[in-house]
Amino acid sequence: VFNAKTAELLSHHQVEIQQKFPKEGWVEQDPKEILKSVHECVERACEKLQQLNIDITNIKAIGVSNQRETTVVWDKTTGEPLYNAIVWLDLRTQSTVERLLKRIPGKNKAFFKFRTGLPLSTYFSAVKLRWLLDNVEEIRQAVDDGRAMFGTIDSWLIWSLTGGKNGGVHCTDVTNASRTMLFNIHSLEWDPELCQFFDIPMEILPKVRSSSEIYGLMKICPSLKSGALTGVPISGCLGDQSAALVGQMCFQDGQAKNTYGTGCFLLCNTGQKSVFSEHGLLTTIAYKLGRDKPVCYALEGSVAIAGAVVRWLRDNLGIVKTSEEVEKLAAEVGTSYGCYFVPAFSGLYAPYWEPSARGIICGLTQFTNKNHIAFAALEAVCFQTREILDAINKDCGIPLNQLQVDGGMTNNKVLMQLQSDILCIPVVKPSMPETTALGAAMAAGAAEGVGIWSLNPGDLTAVTCERFEPQINPEESEFRYARWKKAVMKSMGWETSEAPPNGTGK
């Protein structure tokens, strides 16, 4: 909950959502658990406001932000999901992608790039939806009966919060739609030819709206004892990376931000023109802040594994009990001692788009210990960001002179200093790292009919910044980066689809 005049954070609550890994490479979430976590966060954040003697009837608008590409299909008559949500970094659709590629001239992954801004990859929603239609009988049946609704998580939440099976609004915004691979980013409409190519019935798709307008009103939800926010408009919707771009006030052409979450996402605002990358970046919709406002585009570099590498050190290797310990271990040694970690657990995303890559740790000696591995893991996040920044600089022709950062991992000071050292430019972090939430709030508050938020950066006095300046010489930085690139080459081509049937667990 933010103050609309200053952007000061008044109250917040968060709940970690369980990820499910039913098979190698599969990643799922329970849509009902996601909805329950939203209800719980709303309830707790409102309670905290009341403890501060702030009247919750002062809440004027609600914004939604979500992990993009994650795909859910539900039954509009019962309101129940028909399968778990398939999460953005899930790899089960690799065979679907290979099958679809065979139907494209020259198996060209970039065949739809000028329409969608995206390469054909397991990452985007269309192939996840195709997999669901091919493999889940309940979903096929629901489509045949006209009961099925498809959406990314924003659609599922808005539909559920505005009444669900009793008149819920089935919509999404342009930023989320632009990540499905079914959406034309120029005409701003679902593309009939793309739907035909993926064989997806258009009637199950949500209506596409701008990122800032009233979609519907909050209905009483059973878990909210007070019915606190009933009747409050839901009037902002932005995919998480776009929300962070707005929250960081990157409204000028050429401004960029990097969000360090589960993955790492660097977006550079290219204004009202869509720039197509020659260096492995995606072209995506940055925002459209109102029905009659222009659409703005961004170049985006996506890294699949950032914060997830810390979770892996905690949950899989067990070398730390909490994520915070990784910073401590890394700080104790201050070097990886020649050890390099390429966390290609889900293949490599930008700038390589190489699904066959797998994670490797190399350069190990008898001297290497868990501290060096922790340092190498943090360095990996920074090197991956550097690869994307290099690509953005080549595509835009104007090198960035500083990088604005946000997301949970930016609390790690060792990581932020390392990032500045490896990029050789200052890294600037806002006092409030949850800029994704702030961006969603800004879109909601600026909507026509709500109008309580000015998008003029000068008004938002609560947003202050911390700067990290490079502290190593550029030669050392270049040397380490060159070794990293060598390690990346070694991680490629690891996985083939023709694995022998025995001893592989397949």
Protein backbone atom coordinates (compact mmCIF):
# COMPACT_ATOMS: atom_id res chain seq x y z
CA VAL A 1 0.00 0.00 0.00
CA PHE A 2 1.50 3.31 -1.13
CA ASN A 3 0.85 6.97 -0.43
CA ALA A 4 -0.32 8.40 -3.78
CA LYS A 5 1.34 11.80 -3.19
CA THR A 6 4.85 10.71 -2.18
CA ALA A 7 5.10 7.01 -3.17
CA GLU A 8 5.93 6.23 0.46
CA LEU A 9 5.37 2.56 1.32
CA LEU A 10 2.71 2.51 4.05
CA SER A 11 2.15 -1.19 4.59
CA HIS A 12 2.98 -4.50 2.94
CA HIS A 13 2.76 -8.24 3.39
CA GLN A 14 4.20 -11.12 1.40
CA VAL A 15 3.80 -14.89 1.24
CA GLU A 16 6.18 -17.28 -0.50
CA ILE A 17 4.41 -19.45 -3.07
CA GLN A 18 5.31 -23.13 -3.35
CA GLN A 19 6.80 -24.25 -6.65
CA LYS A 20 6.14 -27.84 -7.66
CA PHE A 21 8.65 -29.87 -9.69
CA PRO A 22 6.67 -33.00 -10.65
CA LYS A 23 9.29 -34.14 -13.21
CA GLU A 24 12.74 -33.12 -14.41
CA GLY A 25 12.41 -29.66 -16.02
CA TRP A 26 8.73 -29.23 -15.04
CA VAL A 27 7.77 -26.23 -12.89
CA GLU A 28 4.18 -25.69 -11.69
CA GLN A 29 2.22 -23.59 -9.21
CA ASP A 30 -1.26 -24.08 -7.81
CA PRO A 31 -3.50 -21.24 -9.13
CA LYS A 32 -5.75 -21.53 -6.06
CA GLU A 33 -2.75 -21.14 -3.78
CA ILE A 34 -1.72 -18.02 -5.73
CA LEU A 35 -5.24 -16.58 -5.29
CA LYS A 36 -5.24 -17.52 -1.59
CA SER A 37 -1.87 -15.79 -1.12
CA VAL A 38 -3.32 -12.62 -2.71
CA HIS A 39 -6.32 -12.71 -0.36
CA GLU A 40 -4.00 -13.23 2.62
CA CYS A 41 -1.68 -10.38 1.59
CA VAL A 42 -4.63 -8.01 1.09
CA GLU A 43 -6.03 -8.93 4.48
CA ARG A 44 -2.71 -8.61 6.37
CA ALA A 45 -1.67 -5.37 4.63
CA CYS A 46 -5.07 -3.87 5.56
CA GLU A 47 -4.69 -5.01 9.19
CA LYS A 48 -1.26 -3.35 9.36
CA LEU A 49 -2.79 -0.12 7.99
CA GLN A 50 -5.46 -0.19 10.69
CA GLN A 51 -2.76 -0.65 13.34
CA LEU A 52 -1.21 2.58 11.98
CA ASN A 53 -4.63 4.26 12.37
CA ILE A 54 -4.99 4.68 8.61
CA ASP A 55 -8.56 4.25 7.43
CA ILE A 56 -8.70 1.52 4.78
CA THR A 57 -11.63 3.24 3.08
CA ASN A 58 -8.91 5.63 1.81
CA ILE A 59 -7.73 2.91 -0.58
CA LYS A 60 -8.77 4.24 -3.97
CA ALA A 61 -7.44 1.71 -6.47
CA ILE A 62 -5.81 -1.70 -6.81
CA GLY A 63 -3.07 -2.70 -9.26
CA VAL A 64 -2.07 -6.22 -10.28
CA SER A 65 1.41 -7.31 -11.25
CA ASN A 66 2.39 -10.88 -12.06
CA GLN A 67 5.07 -13.23 -13.29
CA ARG A 68 4.55 -13.20 -17.02
CA GLU A 69 4.11 -16.18 -19.41
CA THR A 70 2.90 -18.48 -16.60
CA THR A 71 -0.17 -20.17 -18.09
CA VAL A 72 -3.43 -21.25 -16.50
CA VAL A 73 -6.69 -22.66 -17.92
CA TRP A 74 -9.82 -22.73 -15.77
CA ASP A 75 -13.50 -23.63 -15.95
CA LYS A 76 -15.72 -20.56 -16.09
CA THR A 77 -18.77 -22.42 -14.76
CA THR A 78 -17.13 -23.83 -11.60
CA GLY A 79 -14.32 -21.26 -11.23
CA GLU A 80 -11.85 -24.14 -10.74
CA PRO A 81 -8.44 -24.39 -12.48
CA LEU A 82 -8.31 -27.39 -14.83
CA TYR A 83 -4.57 -28.01 -14.24
CA ASN A 84 -1.73 -26.44 -12.28
CA ALA A 85 -0.29 -23.23 -13.72
CA ILE A 86 2.71 -23.98 -15.94
CA VAL A 87 5.44 -21.56 -14.85
CA TRP A 88 7.45 -19.44 -17.30
CA LEU A 89 10.72 -21.37 -16.93
CA ASP A 90 9.13 -24.83 -17.34
CA LEU A 91 10.86 -26.94 -20.03
CA ARG A 92 8.29 -29.67 -20.76
CA THR A 93 7.32 -27.96 -24.03
CA GLN A 94 10.71 -28.53 -25.69
CA SER A 95 9.29 -31.34 -27.87
CA THR A 96 6.27 -29.12 -28.70
CA VAL A 97 8.68 -26.38 -29.85
CA GLU A 98 10.63 -28.88 -31.99
CA ARG A 99 7.41 -30.15 -33.56
CA LEU A 100 6.22 -26.60 -34.34
CA LEU A 101 9.63 -25.66 -35.78
CA LYS A 102 9.27 -28.39 -38.39
CA ARG A 103 6.29 -26.46 -39.80
CA ILE A 104 8.30 -23.25 -40.22
CA PRO A 105 10.37 -22.58 -43.37
CA GLY A 106 14.02 -23.35 -42.60
CA LYS A 107 13.08 -24.15 -38.95
CA ASN A 108 13.60 -20.45 -38.27
CA LYS A 109 13.03 -19.71 -34.55
CA ALA A 110 12.72 -15.99 -35.35
CA PHE A 111 10.01 -16.53 -37.98
CA PHE A 112 7.32 -14.64 -35.98
CA LYS A 113 9.70 -12.08 -34.49
CA PHE A 114 8.43 -9.07 -36.44
CA ARG A 115 4.86 -9.74 -35.33
CA THR A 116 5.47 -10.82 -31.75
CA GLY A 117 8.96 -9.56 -30.86
CA LEU A 118 9.74 -13.10 -29.66
CA PRO A 119 11.59 -16.23 -30.83
CA LEU A 120 9.81 -19.60 -30.73
CA SER A 121 10.80 -20.92 -27.30
CA THR A 122 9.50 -22.96 -24.35
CA TYR A 123 9.37 -19.63 -22.46
CA PHE A 124 6.17 -18.14 -23.94
CA SER A 125 2.53 -18.95 -23.17
CA ALA A 126 1.37 -20.22 -26.59
CA VAL A 127 3.50 -23.37 -26.44
CA LYS A 128 2.46 -24.03 -22.82
CA LEU A 129 -1.19 -23.71 -23.84
CA ARG A 130 -0.59 -26.00 -26.83
CA TRP A 131 0.92 -28.60 -24.47
CA LEU A 132 -2.12 -28.36 -22.15
CA LEU A 133 -4.53 -28.84 -25.06
CA ASP A 134 -2.51 -31.83 -26.30
CA ASN A 135 -2.03 -33.55 -22.93
CA VAL A 136 -4.86 -32.74 -20.52
CA GLU A 137 -8.18 -34.41 -21.35
CA GLU A 138 -10.18 -32.15 -18.93
CA ILE A 139 -8.94 -29.06 -20.77
CA ARG A 140 -9.76 -30.46 -24.22
CA GLN A 141 -13.23 -31.35 -22.98
CA ALA A 142 -13.76 -27.90 -21.41
CA VAL A 143 -12.74 -26.22 -24.69
CA ASP A 144 -15.20 -28.43 -26.63
CA ASP A 145 -17.98 -27.57 -24.15
CA GLY A 146 -17.20 -23.82 -24.27
CA ARG A 147 -16.28 -23.79 -20.56
CA ALA A 148 -12.53 -23.09 -20.83
CA MET A 149 -10.81 -19.78 -20.15
CA PHE A 150 -7.11 -19.18 -20.75
CA GLY A 151 -5.05 -16.52 -19.05
CA THR A 152 -1.73 -15.55 -17.61
CA ILE A 153 -1.79 -15.07 -13.81
CA ASP A 154 -3.04 -11.46 -14.06
CA SER A 155 -6.16 -12.68 -15.93
CA TRP A 156 -6.81 -15.45 -13.40
CA LEU A 157 -6.52 -12.96 -10.51
CA ILE A 158 -8.61 -10.17 -12.07
CA TRP A 159 -11.34 -12.65 -13.08
CA SER A 160 -11.38 -14.18 -9.58
CA LEU A 161 -11.28 -10.85 -7.72
CA THR A 162 -14.07 -9.26 -9.80
CA GLY A 163 -16.55 -12.07 -9.11
CA GLY A 164 -15.15 -15.22 -10.74
CA LYS A 165 -17.94 -17.48 -11.99
CA ASN A 166 -20.43 -14.79 -10.96
CA GLY A 167 -19.60 -12.21 -13.59
CA GLY A 168 -15.80 -11.99 -13.27
CA VAL A 169 -14.00 -9.87 -15.89
CA HIS A 170 -11.87 -11.93 -18.32
CA CYS A 171 -9.13 -9.54 -19.47
CA THR A 172 -5.38 -8.98 -19.65
CA ASP A 173 -3.22 -5.99 -20.51
CA VAL A 174 -0.98 -5.34 -23.51
CA THR A 175 2.24 -6.09 -21.59
CA ASN A 176 1.13 -9.59 -20.59
CA ALA A 177 -0.50 -10.25 -23.97
CA SER A 178 2.80 -9.38 -25.67
CA ARG A 179 4.42 -12.39 -23.92
CA THR A 180 2.01 -15.05 -25.16
CA MET A 181 3.26 -15.29 -28.79
CA LEU A 182 -0.36 -14.97 -29.93
CA PHE A 183 -0.42 -11.17 -29.93
CA ASN A 184 0.53 -8.73 -32.66
CA ILE A 185 2.58 -6.02 -30.91
CA HIS A 186 1.84 -3.46 -33.68
CA SER A 187 -1.92 -3.84 -34.16
CA LEU A 188 -2.32 -4.58 -30.39
CA GLU A 189 -4.73 -7.44 -31.11
CA TRP A 190 -4.74 -11.23 -30.91
CA ASP A 191 -3.38 -12.45 -34.25
CA PRO A 192 -5.70 -14.91 -36.05
CA GLU A 193 -2.81 -16.40 -38.08
CA LEU A 194 -0.73 -17.04 -34.97
CA CYS A 195 -3.73 -18.62 -33.22
CA GLN A 196 -4.20 -20.79 -36.28
CA PHE A 197 -0.50 -21.78 -36.34
CA PHE A 198 -0.61 -22.86 -32.67
CA ASP A 199 -4.14 -24.21 -33.21
CA ILE A 200 -5.58 -22.23 -30.31
CA PRO A 201 -9.31 -21.34 -30.23
CA MET A 202 -9.59 -17.55 -29.98
CA GLU A 203 -12.76 -17.68 -27.87
CA ILE A 204 -10.78 -18.84 -24.80
CA LEU A 205 -8.48 -15.77 -24.89
CA PRO A 206 -9.03 -12.78 -22.55
CA LYS A 207 -9.93 -9.31 -23.86
CA VAL A 208 -6.80 -7.13 -24.19
CA ARG A 209 -6.92 -3.71 -22.46
CA SER A 210 -4.40 -0.95 -21.68
CA SER A 211 -2.23 -1.19 -18.52
CA SER A 212 -4.11 1.61 -16.76
CA GLU A 213 -7.92 1.68 -16.84
CA ILE A 214 -10.76 0.41 -14.67
CA TYR A 215 -11.24 -3.32 -15.47
CA GLY A 216 -13.81 -4.03 -12.78
CA LEU A 217 -14.57 -3.64 -9.06
CA MET A 218 -13.38 -5.82 -6.20
CA LYS A 219 -16.13 -8.22 -5.08
CA ILE A 220 -16.41 -9.49 -1.52
CA CYS A 221 -14.10 -12.46 -1.19
CA PRO A 222 -15.03 -15.14 1.34
CA SER A 223 -11.63 -15.04 3.09
CA LEU A 224 -11.75 -11.26 3.70
CA LYS A 225 -13.73 -11.14 6.92
CA SER A 226 -14.26 -7.38 6.70
CA GLY A 227 -15.12 -7.25 2.99
CA ALA A 228 -12.61 -4.39 3.25
CA LEU A 229 -11.97 -3.52 -0.35
CA THR A 230 -15.37 -4.35 -1.85
CA GLY A 231 -16.19 -1.91 -4.65
CA VAL A 232 -12.62 -0.59 -5.02
CA PRO A 233 -11.65 -0.47 -8.73
CA ILE A 234 -8.94 -2.79 -10.05
CA SER A 235 -7.41 -0.31 -12.48
CA GLY A 236 -3.78 -1.22 -13.08
CA CYS A 237 -2.29 -4.31 -14.70
CA LEU A 238 1.35 -4.75 -15.75
CA GLY A 239 3.55 -7.81 -16.20
CA ASP A 240 6.17 -7.69 -13.44
CA GLN A 241 9.06 -6.46 -15.61
CA SER A 242 7.00 -3.66 -17.14
CA ALA A 243 5.75 -2.77 -13.68
CA ALA A 244 9.34 -2.41 -12.46
CA LEU A 245 10.18 -0.19 -15.46
CA VAL A 246 7.25 2.09 -14.53
CA GLY A 247 8.11 1.92 -10.81
CA GLN A 248 11.68 3.00 -11.64
CA MET A 249 10.20 5.92 -13.67
CA CYS A 250 12.05 4.84 -16.82
CA PHE A 251 9.72 6.89 -19.03
CA GLN A 252 12.50 8.32 -21.24
CA ASP A 253 13.79 6.69 -24.37
CA GLY A 254 17.05 4.85 -23.50
CA GLN A 255 16.43 4.50 -19.73
CA ALA A 256 16.92 0.95 -18.45
CA LYS A 257 16.36 -1.09 -15.32
CA ASN A 258 17.39 -4.58 -14.23
CA THR A 259 15.20 -6.60 -11.87
CA TYR A 260 16.85 -9.34 -9.82
CA GLY A 261 14.15 -11.86 -8.94
CA THR A 262 13.96 -15.61 -9.63
CA GLY A 263 15.39 -14.67 -13.02
CA CYS A 264 16.99 -11.44 -14.14
CA PHE A 265 15.28 -9.05 -16.54
CA LEU A 266 16.86 -6.01 -18.12
CA LEU A 267 14.45 -3.69 -19.95
CA CYS A 268 15.44 -0.66 -21.96
CA ASN A 269 12.67 1.79 -22.95
CA THR A 270 12.72 2.44 -26.72
CA GLY A 271 9.72 4.82 -26.68
CA GLN A 272 6.99 4.62 -29.30
CA LYS A 273 9.12 2.66 -31.78
CA SER A 274 9.64 -1.08 -31.63
CA VAL A 275 13.36 -1.86 -32.04
CA PHE A 276 14.23 -5.36 -33.26
CA SER A 277 17.38 -6.86 -31.85
CA GLU A 278 20.25 -8.29 -33.88
CA HIS A 279 21.78 -9.66 -30.66
CA GLY A 280 19.30 -12.06 -29.11
CA LEU A 281 17.04 -9.64 -27.21
CA LEU A 282 13.24 -9.60 -27.19
CA THR A 283 11.05 -6.74 -28.35
CA THR A 284 8.22 -6.33 -25.90
CA ILE A 285 5.52 -3.86 -24.88
CA ALA A 286 6.75 -1.69 -22.01
CA TYR A 287 3.38 -0.14 -21.10
CA LYS A 288 0.30 1.66 -22.40
CA LEU A 289 -0.79 3.89 -19.53
CA GLY A 290 -4.39 4.55 -20.53
CA ARG A 291 -6.88 3.66 -23.25
CA ASP A 292 -6.02 6.73 -25.33
CA LYS A 293 -2.34 6.87 -24.44
CA PRO A 294 0.41 5.74 -26.84
CA VAL A 295 1.97 2.31 -26.50
CA CYS A 296 5.66 2.27 -25.53
CA TYR A 297 8.08 -0.55 -26.35
CA ALA A 298 11.20 -1.98 -24.74
CA LEU A 299 14.12 -4.19 -25.60
CA GLU A 300 14.42 -6.96 -23.06
CA GLY A 301 17.14 -9.37 -22.07
CA SER A 302 15.91 -12.32 -19.98
CA VAL A 303 18.09 -14.49 -17.76
CA ALA A 304 16.31 -17.60 -16.47
CA ILE A 305 18.28 -18.12 -13.26
CA ALA A 306 19.27 -15.32 -10.86
CA GLY A 307 17.71 -15.52 -7.38
CA ALA A 308 16.90 -19.15 -8.21
CA VAL A 309 20.63 -19.96 -8.02
CA VAL A 310 20.64 -18.82 -4.37
CA ARG A 311 17.56 -20.96 -3.71
CA TRP A 312 19.40 -23.89 -5.35
CA LEU A 313 22.45 -23.42 -3.08
CA ARG A 314 20.02 -23.45 -0.13
CA ASP A 315 17.55 -26.20 -1.09
CA ASN A 316 19.55 -28.54 -3.34
CA LEU A 317 23.15 -28.27 -2.11
CA GLY A 318 22.27 -27.33 1.45
CA ILE A 319 25.42 -25.17 1.83
CA VAL A 320 23.33 -22.37 3.40
CA LYS A 321 20.20 -22.39 5.53
CA THR A 322 18.97 -18.94 4.46
CA SER A 323 19.44 -16.90 1.29
CA GLU A 324 21.15 -14.14 3.32
CA GLU A 325 24.04 -16.50 4.22
CA VAL A 326 25.21 -16.57 0.59
CA GLU A 327 26.26 -12.92 0.88
CA LYS A 328 28.20 -13.70 4.07
CA LEU A 329 30.01 -16.69 2.52
CA ALA A 330 30.94 -14.67 -0.58
CA ALA A 331 32.10 -11.67 1.47
CA GLU A 332 34.45 -13.88 3.55
CA VAL A 333 36.56 -14.78 0.49
CA GLY A 334 35.97 -11.78 -1.82
CA THR A 335 36.89 -13.89 -4.87
CA SER A 336 35.77 -17.04 -6.67
CA TYR A 337 39.43 -18.12 -6.89
CA GLY A 338 39.07 -18.97 -10.58
CA CYS A 339 35.83 -20.92 -10.11
CA TYR A 340 33.01 -20.15 -12.59
CA PHE A 341 29.37 -21.17 -12.26
CA VAL A 342 27.00 -21.15 -15.27
CA PRO A 343 23.51 -21.80 -13.80
CA ALA A 344 21.88 -22.93 -17.06
CA PHE A 345 19.36 -25.11 -15.21
CA SER A 346 16.65 -24.32 -17.80
CA GLY A 347 18.98 -23.88 -20.76
CA LEU A 348 20.25 -20.39 -21.58
CA TYR A 349 17.91 -17.51 -22.41
CA ALA A 350 19.16 -14.20 -23.88
CA PRO A 351 21.36 -13.64 -25.76
CA TYR A 352 21.83 -17.34 -26.68
CA TRP A 353 18.35 -18.94 -26.64
CA GLU A 354 20.02 -22.31 -26.26
CA PRO A 355 17.71 -24.92 -24.65
CA SER A 356 20.42 -27.62 -24.81
CA ALA A 357 22.68 -25.86 -22.26
CA ARG A 358 22.89 -27.16 -18.69
CA GLY A 359 24.44 -25.82 -15.50
CA ILE A 360 28.17 -26.27 -14.88
CA ILE A 361 30.68 -25.29 -12.19
CA CYS A 362 34.22 -25.28 -13.57
CA GLY A 363 37.73 -24.16 -12.65
CA LEU A 364 37.59 -26.21 -9.44
CA THR A 365 40.80 -27.01 -7.54
CA GLN A 366 41.52 -28.70 -4.19
CA PHE A 367 41.48 -25.22 -2.69
CA THR A 368 37.90 -24.43 -3.82
CA ASN A 369 35.32 -24.44 -1.01
CA LYS A 370 31.68 -23.49 -0.53
CA ASN A 371 32.59 -19.80 -0.10
CA HIS A 372 34.13 -19.70 -3.58
CA ILE A 373 31.07 -21.44 -5.05
CA ALA A 374 28.78 -18.89 -3.33
CA PHE A 375 30.90 -16.06 -4.77
CA ALA A 376 30.86 -17.65 -8.25
CA ALA A 377 27.05 -17.95 -8.04
CA LEU A 378 26.68 -14.21 -7.36
CA GLU A 379 29.23 -13.42 -10.06
CA ALA A 380 27.18 -15.53 -12.51
CA VAL A 381 24.18 -13.23 -12.03
CA CYS A 382 26.43 -10.22 -12.78
CA PHE A 383 28.08 -11.79 -15.85
CA GLN A 384 24.69 -12.74 -17.31
CA THR A 385 23.53 -9.13 -16.83
CA ARG A 386 26.72 -7.89 -18.55
CA GLU A 387 25.99 -10.10 -21.59
CA ILE A 388 22.55 -8.53 -21.91
CA LEU A 389 23.81 -5.00 -21.38
CA ASP A 390 26.40 -5.53 -24.13
CA ALA A 391 23.60 -6.65 -26.48
CA ILE A 392 21.40 -3.64 -25.58
CA ASN A 393 24.33 -1.26 -26.13
CA LYS A 394 24.93 -2.78 -29.59
CA ASP A 395 21.24 -2.63 -30.56
CA CYS A 396 20.63 0.91 -29.27
CA GLY A 397 24.03 2.34 -30.18
CA ILE A 398 24.12 4.51 -27.04
CA PRO A 399 25.95 2.83 -24.15
CA LEU A 400 24.21 3.10 -20.78
CA ASN A 401 26.06 5.29 -18.30
CA GLN A 402 24.38 3.77 -15.24
CA LEU A 403 22.08 0.86 -14.44
CA GLN A 404 18.95 1.21 -12.28
CA VAL A 405 18.29 -1.96 -10.29
CA ASP A 406 15.49 -3.42 -8.17
CA GLY A 407 14.13 -6.72 -6.87
CA GLY A 408 14.76 -8.81 -3.77
CA MET A 409 18.38 -9.67 -4.56
CA THR A 410 19.43 -6.01 -4.59
CA ASN A 411 19.49 -6.16 -0.77
CA ASN A 412 22.72 -8.13 -1.24
CA LYS A 413 25.45 -5.45 -1.11
CA VAL A 414 28.19 -7.84 -2.27
CA LEU A 415 26.13 -8.59 -5.39
CA MET A 416 25.50 -4.89 -6.11
CA GLN A 417 29.20 -4.00 -5.78
CA LEU A 418 30.16 -6.96 -7.97
CA GLN A 419 27.62 -5.85 -10.56
CA SER A 420 29.14 -2.37 -10.74
CA ASP A 421 32.67 -3.86 -10.97
CA ILE A 422 31.73 -6.22 -13.81
CA LEU A 423 29.79 -3.60 -15.80
CA CYS A 424 32.35 -0.82 -15.14
CA ILE A 425 29.45 1.65 -14.62
CA PRO A 426 27.58 2.82 -11.47
CA VAL A 427 24.63 0.76 -10.22
CA VAL A 428 21.76 2.76 -8.70
CA LYS A 429 19.30 1.15 -6.29
CA PRO A 430 16.12 2.82 -4.97
CA SER A 431 15.51 2.89 -1.21
CA MET A 432 12.43 0.72 -1.73
CA PRO A 433 13.36 -2.35 -3.78
CA GLU A 434 9.76 -3.47 -4.46
CA THR A 435 9.41 -1.25 -7.53
CA THR A 436 7.24 -3.88 -9.25
CA ALA A 437 4.51 -3.24 -6.67
CA LEU A 438 5.05 0.52 -6.97
CA GLY A 439 4.67 0.36 -10.79
CA ALA A 440 1.38 -1.55 -10.49
CA ALA A 441 0.16 1.02 -7.93
CA MET A 442 1.12 3.92 -10.21
CA ALA A 443 -0.75 2.39 -13.17
CA ALA A 444 -3.81 1.83 -10.95
CA GLY A 445 -3.77 5.33 -9.45
CA ALA A 446 -3.26 7.11 -12.77
CA ALA A 447 -6.23 5.41 -14.48
CA GLU A 448 -9.04 7.52 -15.91
CA GLY A 449 -11.83 7.67 -13.35
CA VAL A 450 -9.36 7.20 -10.46
CA GLY A 451 -6.86 9.99 -11.22
CA ILE A 452 -5.11 10.17 -7.83
CA TRP A 453 -1.56 9.65 -9.04
CA SER A 454 0.67 11.88 -11.10
CA LEU A 455 3.29 10.06 -13.17
CA ASN A 456 5.66 13.01 -12.81
CA PRO A 457 8.86 11.67 -11.17
CA GLY A 458 9.46 15.02 -9.40
CA ASP A 459 6.37 14.47 -7.22
CA LEU A 460 7.46 11.16 -5.75
CA THR A 461 9.64 12.42 -2.93
CA ALA A 462 9.85 9.15 -1.00
CA VAL A 463 12.02 7.47 -3.65
CA THR A 464 15.71 7.90 -2.74
CA CYS A 465 18.69 5.96 -4.12
CA GLU A 466 21.94 4.26 -3.14
CA ARG A 467 24.85 4.22 -5.63
CA PHE A 468 27.56 1.59 -6.12
CA GLU A 469 30.64 2.76 -8.08
CA PRO A 470 33.09 0.38 -9.85
CA GLN A 471 36.08 -0.44 -7.61
CA ILE A 472 38.25 -2.69 -9.79
CA ASN A 473 40.21 -1.80 -12.89
CA PRO A 474 38.52 -2.47 -16.26
CA GLU A 475 41.30 -4.90 -17.35
CA GLU A 476 40.53 -7.26 -14.47
CA SER A 477 36.84 -7.00 -15.20
CA GLU A 478 37.44 -7.88 -18.89
CA PHE A 479 39.65 -10.84 -17.96
CA ARG A 480 37.01 -12.33 -15.65
CA TYR A 481 34.27 -11.73 -18.20
CA ALA A 482 36.28 -13.48 -20.95
CA ARG A 483 36.76 -16.54 -18.69
CA TRP A 484 33.03 -16.55 -17.96
CA LYS A 485 32.24 -16.61 -21.70
CA LYS A 486 34.59 -19.60 -22.06
CA ALA A 487 32.61 -21.39 -19.31
CA VAL A 488 29.32 -20.59 -21.10
CA MET A 489 30.62 -22.27 -24.27
CA LYS A 490 31.32 -25.41 -22.23
CA SER A 491 27.73 -25.49 -20.90
CA MET A 492 26.17 -25.62 -24.38
CA GLY A 493 24.98 -28.64 -26.35
CA TRP A 494 24.81 -30.73 -23.20
CA GLU A 495 21.27 -32.05 -23.49
CA THR A 496 20.06 -33.89 -26.57
CA SER A 497 16.52 -35.11 -27.18
CA GLU A 498 17.87 -38.56 -28.16
CA ALA A 499 18.95 -39.72 -24.69
CA PRO A 500 19.45 -43.49 -24.17
CA PRO A 501 16.47 -45.03 -22.36
CA ASN A 502 18.42 -46.57 -19.45
CA GLY A 503 20.17 -45.03 -16.48
CA THR A 504 18.94 -41.51 -17.21
CA GLY A 505 15.78 -41.60 -15.15
CA LYS A 506 13.75 -40.94 -18.31
